[in-house]
Every structure is written in C-alpha cells, then in structure tokens.
Amino acid sequence: MTNRNYCTNCGEEMPIDVPFCGNCGVAKGTANNFCANCGSAVIAGSAFCTVCGAKLLVESMQQNNQQPAMVNNNQNAGNTNQNARHHSNLLPWLIGGVFVLIVAVVILLPKDPNGKFVYQKIDTSDSAKEKITKTFTISGEKYTFHGVVKVQQSDGKYVNAGTTDEKGKVKYKKDKIMFTNTNGTSIVGNLAKDHKSIIYDGQNFKKK
C-alpha cells in the first residue's frame, strides 16, 4: 500500500505524503472510484483492481459510509432528548394554564341567588304620593318577603300605610324562580343569568 499515488475519488496522480487531493480536495483513501495503485477506474463493488490487481479500499469505504449514519443516530438521539426536555419544561406551564382556566370558570359561574332583592317605587297615580318598598330575602331553599307602603303627608313626610309579610320555599332552575308561600300559593318569576335581579309579578327586584 506504499504505492498509493492516485486519488481514489477522481484518479488524479498525487504525492504519497499529501493527505488531500490537489484536484478535487477529497481526503486520500475516502473514496473508491479509482485504484490508488494505478489510477484505473474501479468497477463498483470490486474488491481488487481489474487492471493491476491491487486490493481496493472496500472495507474503508464501508466504514466511511457507516460513520455518517452513526452521527445521524447520535444527532437524532440528541434531538429526541432536547424535545423531551422541551416538553418537560412546558408541562408546568400547561398545568398552570389549566388551573387558571378552572378558577376563572368557577369565578364566572353565577352564584346561588341568596341575599336581598329589593324593589322600590314612588307611586304618584293617586292624589297622595306612595313610596313602595318590597324585599325578598333568599337563603338556600327558603325566602321571606316584606312589603311596606308609605304615604306622603301634607308636610312632605311619609308615614307607614301598611305592611305585608310572607315566607315560604323557593326553587329555581336556569332563568326561572318559583316562590311558594306557606298557604301553597306559587308565583313564578324570571331570574337573570347573573342572578342579580328577579322579575316578579312584573316588578324588577335588584340584588343589594
């Protein structure tokens, strides 16, 4: 093998002690197109030169062909590990995002219509002004109702002209709410989507 003086890639004659071909720039012994001993073209797959009989660099070529595959495998493994790290870094953010979304949904969901709903009106249809105040107080499945009518006197002051008190059970579903008093009489009202107002007997009760 000391007589290798031809480029095995392009067949150009080259000095023995030069590692790269001056014609094509390929490293010596890394191709198998020409015989390194005589410079003759090589038949693909041949183990020996058909002109001078010198042994060709078949084994070296096989090793060189396998090396890029190993590099690619290493690169693929590196990419896989990098992708795994990337996904593992995203996992806490995804979990946090789902948690925030759940909290937002819970906050935005309408609460049970508990509390006081008040209707107020000043009636001037009669000669004397009347101030009407009605209040529903809802707690779970029970409610109390308190109505007050005050009449304005000549001095401008309002005095109590009558009160109404009632209690019973309340049921609601979506946009409907039903009040059933202790006598068994029921009246159905409309419940706002945000549960902040009730339309009852044509009157708008707002939550306070």
Protein backbone atom coordinates (compact mmCIF):
# COMPACT_ATOMS: atom_id res chain seq x y z
CA MET A 1 0.00 0.00 0.00
CA THR A 2 3.04 2.29 -0.03
CA ASN A 3 2.48 2.85 -3.78
CA ARG A 4 -0.81 4.70 -3.32
CA ASN A 5 -0.22 7.70 -5.51
CA TYR A 6 -3.59 8.24 -7.17
CA CYS A 7 -6.69 9.90 -5.84
CA THR A 8 -9.34 7.28 -5.26
CA ASN A 9 -12.06 9.88 -5.91
CA CYS A 10 -11.01 11.47 -9.23
CA GLY A 11 -7.99 9.33 -10.33
CA GLU A 12 -5.61 12.30 -10.39
CA GLU A 13 -2.00 11.46 -9.55
CA MET A 14 -0.97 12.85 -6.16
CA PRO A 15 2.12 12.72 -3.92
CA ILE A 16 2.17 9.86 -1.42
CA ASP A 17 2.69 12.12 1.62
CA VAL A 18 -0.20 14.53 0.77
CA PRO A 19 -3.44 13.77 2.72
CA PHE A 20 -5.81 15.61 0.32
CA CYS A 21 -6.12 15.53 -3.46
CA GLY A 22 -4.99 18.79 -5.06
CA ASN A 23 -7.52 18.32 -7.88
CA CYS A 24 -10.79 17.52 -6.08
CA GLY A 25 -9.89 18.19 -2.44
CA VAL A 26 -11.11 14.79 -1.20
CA ALA A 27 -9.11 13.11 1.56
CA LYS A 28 -6.92 10.30 0.37
CA GLY A 29 -8.48 6.85 0.72
CA THR A 30 -12.02 8.09 1.44
CA ALA A 31 -13.49 7.21 -1.97
CA ASN A 32 -13.48 4.07 -4.14
CA ASN A 33 -13.84 5.36 -7.70
CA PHE A 34 -10.25 4.80 -8.84
CA CYS A 35 -7.42 2.45 -7.91
CA ALA A 36 -4.93 4.10 -5.58
CA ASN A 37 -2.13 1.97 -7.02
CA CYS A 38 -2.52 2.51 -10.78
CA GLY A 39 -5.24 5.15 -11.13
CA SER A 40 -7.55 2.96 -13.21
CA ALA A 41 -11.32 3.29 -12.89
CA VAL A 42 -12.80 0.81 -10.43
CA ILE A 43 -15.83 -1.38 -11.07
CA ALA A 44 -18.42 -0.79 -8.38
CA GLY A 45 -18.37 -3.50 -5.71
CA SER A 46 -14.97 -4.93 -6.77
CA ALA A 47 -12.53 -5.93 -4.07
CA PHE A 48 -9.46 -5.81 -6.35
CA CYS A 49 -8.41 -3.61 -9.25
CA THR A 50 -9.09 -5.37 -12.58
CA VAL A 51 -6.03 -3.73 -14.13
CA CYS A 52 -3.21 -4.14 -11.60
CA GLY A 53 -4.85 -6.50 -9.09
CA ALA A 54 -4.24 -4.21 -6.11
CA LYS A 55 -6.65 -4.57 -3.17
CA LEU A 56 -9.23 -1.80 -3.15
CA LEU A 57 -10.42 0.19 -0.16
CA VAL A 58 -13.79 -1.59 0.12
CA GLU A 59 -13.62 -2.03 3.91
CA SER A 60 -12.56 1.57 4.37
CA MET A 61 -15.47 2.74 2.24
CA GLN A 62 -17.93 0.66 4.23
CA GLN A 63 -16.62 2.15 7.45
CA ASN A 64 -16.82 5.65 6.00
CA ASN A 65 -20.40 5.03 4.81
CA GLN A 66 -21.40 3.80 8.26
CA GLN A 67 -19.89 6.73 10.12
CA PRO A 68 -22.41 9.36 8.93
CA ALA A 69 -25.24 7.03 9.94
CA MET A 70 -23.80 6.83 13.43
CA VAL A 71 -23.51 10.60 13.52
CA ASN A 72 -27.10 10.91 12.35
CA ASN A 73 -28.22 8.46 15.03
CA ASN A 74 -26.40 10.49 17.64
CA GLN A 75 -27.96 13.66 16.31
CA ASN A 76 -31.42 12.04 16.34
CA ALA A 77 -30.85 10.90 19.91
CA GLY A 78 -29.78 14.43 20.84
CA ASN A 79 -32.84 15.90 19.16
CA THR A 80 -35.07 13.40 20.97
CA ASN A 81 -33.55 14.31 24.32
CA GLN A 82 -33.87 18.00 23.50
CA ASN A 83 -37.53 17.57 22.55
CA ALA A 84 -38.16 15.62 25.75
CA ARG A 85 -36.60 18.42 27.81
CA HIS A 86 -38.64 20.97 25.88
CA HIS A 87 -41.90 19.14 26.62
CA SER A 88 -40.94 18.65 30.27
CA ASN A 89 -40.33 22.40 30.56
CA LEU A 90 -43.76 23.12 29.05
CA LEU A 91 -45.60 20.74 31.39
CA PRO A 92 -45.70 23.09 34.43
CA TRP A 93 -46.99 25.91 32.22
CA LEU A 94 -49.73 23.69 30.80
CA ILE A 95 -50.80 22.57 34.27
CA GLY A 96 -50.79 26.18 35.48
CA GLY A 97 -52.86 27.28 32.49
CA VAL A 98 -55.48 24.59 33.11
CA PHE A 99 -55.66 25.57 36.79
CA VAL A 100 -56.16 29.25 35.94
CA LEU A 101 -58.87 28.33 33.44
CA ILE A 102 -60.73 26.25 36.03
CA VAL A 103 -60.54 29.07 38.59
CA ALA A 104 -61.83 31.57 36.02
CA VAL A 105 -64.79 29.34 35.15
CA VAL A 106 -65.66 28.90 38.83
CA ILE A 107 -65.49 32.65 39.42
CA LEU A 108 -67.64 33.45 36.38
CA LEU A 109 -70.31 30.88 37.19
CA PRO A 110 -73.41 32.54 38.64
CA LYS A 111 -73.77 32.04 42.37
CA ASP A 112 -76.92 30.85 44.10
CA PRO A 113 -79.48 33.68 44.31
CA ASN A 114 -79.00 34.18 48.04
CA GLY A 115 -79.35 37.60 49.60
CA LYS A 116 -81.74 40.54 49.43
CA PHE A 117 -83.61 41.57 46.28
CA VAL A 118 -85.29 44.96 46.59
CA TYR A 119 -87.96 46.75 44.54
CA GLN A 120 -88.70 50.42 45.16
CA LYS A 121 -91.17 52.77 43.54
CA ILE A 122 -92.87 56.11 44.23
CA ASP A 123 -96.46 55.98 43.03
CA THR A 124 -97.99 59.32 42.06
CA SER A 125 -101.11 57.94 40.42
CA ASP A 126 -103.27 58.99 43.40
CA SER A 127 -103.60 62.41 44.97
CA ALA A 128 -101.13 61.36 47.66
CA LYS A 129 -97.71 60.04 46.82
CA GLU A 130 -96.94 56.49 47.88
CA LYS A 131 -93.49 55.06 48.43
CA ILE A 132 -93.47 51.29 47.90
CA THR A 133 -90.63 49.06 49.06
CA LYS A 134 -90.66 45.29 48.63
CA THR A 135 -87.87 42.94 49.68
CA PHE A 136 -87.22 39.27 49.03
CA THR A 137 -84.62 37.70 51.31
CA ILE A 138 -83.48 34.34 49.95
CA SER A 139 -81.44 31.84 51.93
CA GLY A 140 -81.00 28.42 50.36
CA GLU A 141 -84.46 26.95 49.74
CA LYS A 142 -86.30 29.44 51.96
CA TYR A 143 -87.41 33.00 51.47
CA THR A 144 -89.10 35.81 53.36
CA PHE A 145 -90.97 38.70 51.83
CA HIS A 146 -91.52 42.10 53.43
CA GLY A 147 -93.51 44.86 51.76
CA VAL A 148 -94.02 48.39 53.03
CA VAL A 149 -96.29 51.14 51.66
CA LYS A 150 -95.72 54.68 52.92
CA VAL A 151 -97.94 57.65 52.13
CA GLN A 152 -96.72 61.22 51.91
CA GLN A 153 -98.48 63.68 54.20
CA SER A 154 -99.13 67.35 53.60
CA ASP A 155 -95.95 68.26 55.42
CA GLY A 156 -93.97 66.12 53.00
CA LYS A 157 -93.21 63.33 55.43
CA TYR A 158 -94.02 59.69 54.69
CA VAL A 159 -95.92 57.56 57.17
CA ASN A 160 -96.43 53.82 57.18
CA ALA A 161 -99.72 52.92 55.50
CA GLY A 162 -99.41 49.14 55.56
CA THR A 163 -97.02 46.19 55.58
CA THR A 164 -97.06 42.71 54.08
CA ASP A 165 -95.01 39.79 55.36
CA GLU A 166 -94.71 36.37 53.80
CA LYS A 167 -92.43 33.39 53.87
CA GLY A 168 -92.11 30.06 52.14
CA LYS A 169 -89.90 27.98 49.90
CA VAL A 170 -88.08 28.94 46.74
CA LYS A 171 -86.93 26.86 43.79
CA TYR A 172 -85.00 28.00 40.75
CA LYS A 173 -83.74 26.47 37.53
CA LYS A 174 -81.87 28.36 34.83
CA ASP A 175 -83.88 31.55 34.26
CA LYS A 176 -86.96 30.67 36.30
CA ILE A 177 -87.59 31.09 40.01
CA MET A 178 -90.72 29.96 41.88
CA PHE A 179 -91.90 31.26 45.24
CA THR A 180 -94.37 29.08 47.17
CA ASN A 181 -95.75 30.58 50.37
CA THR A 182 -96.95 28.68 53.43
CA ASN A 183 -100.50 28.66 52.04
CA GLY A 184 -99.31 26.72 48.98
CA THR A 185 -99.73 29.60 46.53
CA SER A 186 -96.94 29.75 43.94
CA ILE A 187 -95.79 32.52 41.65
CA VAL A 188 -93.04 32.07 39.06
CA GLY A 189 -90.60 34.86 38.29
CA ASN A 190 -87.72 35.35 35.87
CA LEU A 191 -84.17 35.07 37.19
CA ALA A 192 -81.38 36.97 35.42
CA LYS A 193 -78.44 34.95 34.10
CA ASP A 194 -76.06 36.59 36.56
CA HIS A 195 -78.58 36.01 39.40
CA LYS A 196 -78.52 39.71 40.26
CA SER A 197 -82.14 40.54 39.54
CA ILE A 198 -85.58 38.94 39.62
CA ILE A 199 -88.64 39.94 37.60
CA TYR A 200 -91.55 39.05 39.90
CA ASP A 201 -95.18 39.98 39.17
CA GLY A 202 -93.91 42.48 36.59
CA GLN A 203 -91.62 44.20 39.09
CA ASN A 204 -87.84 44.29 38.92
CA PHE A 205 -86.17 43.24 42.18
CA LYS A 206 -82.44 44.08 42.21
CA LYS A 207 -79.93 42.38 44.40
CA LYS A 208 -78.41 44.56 47.10
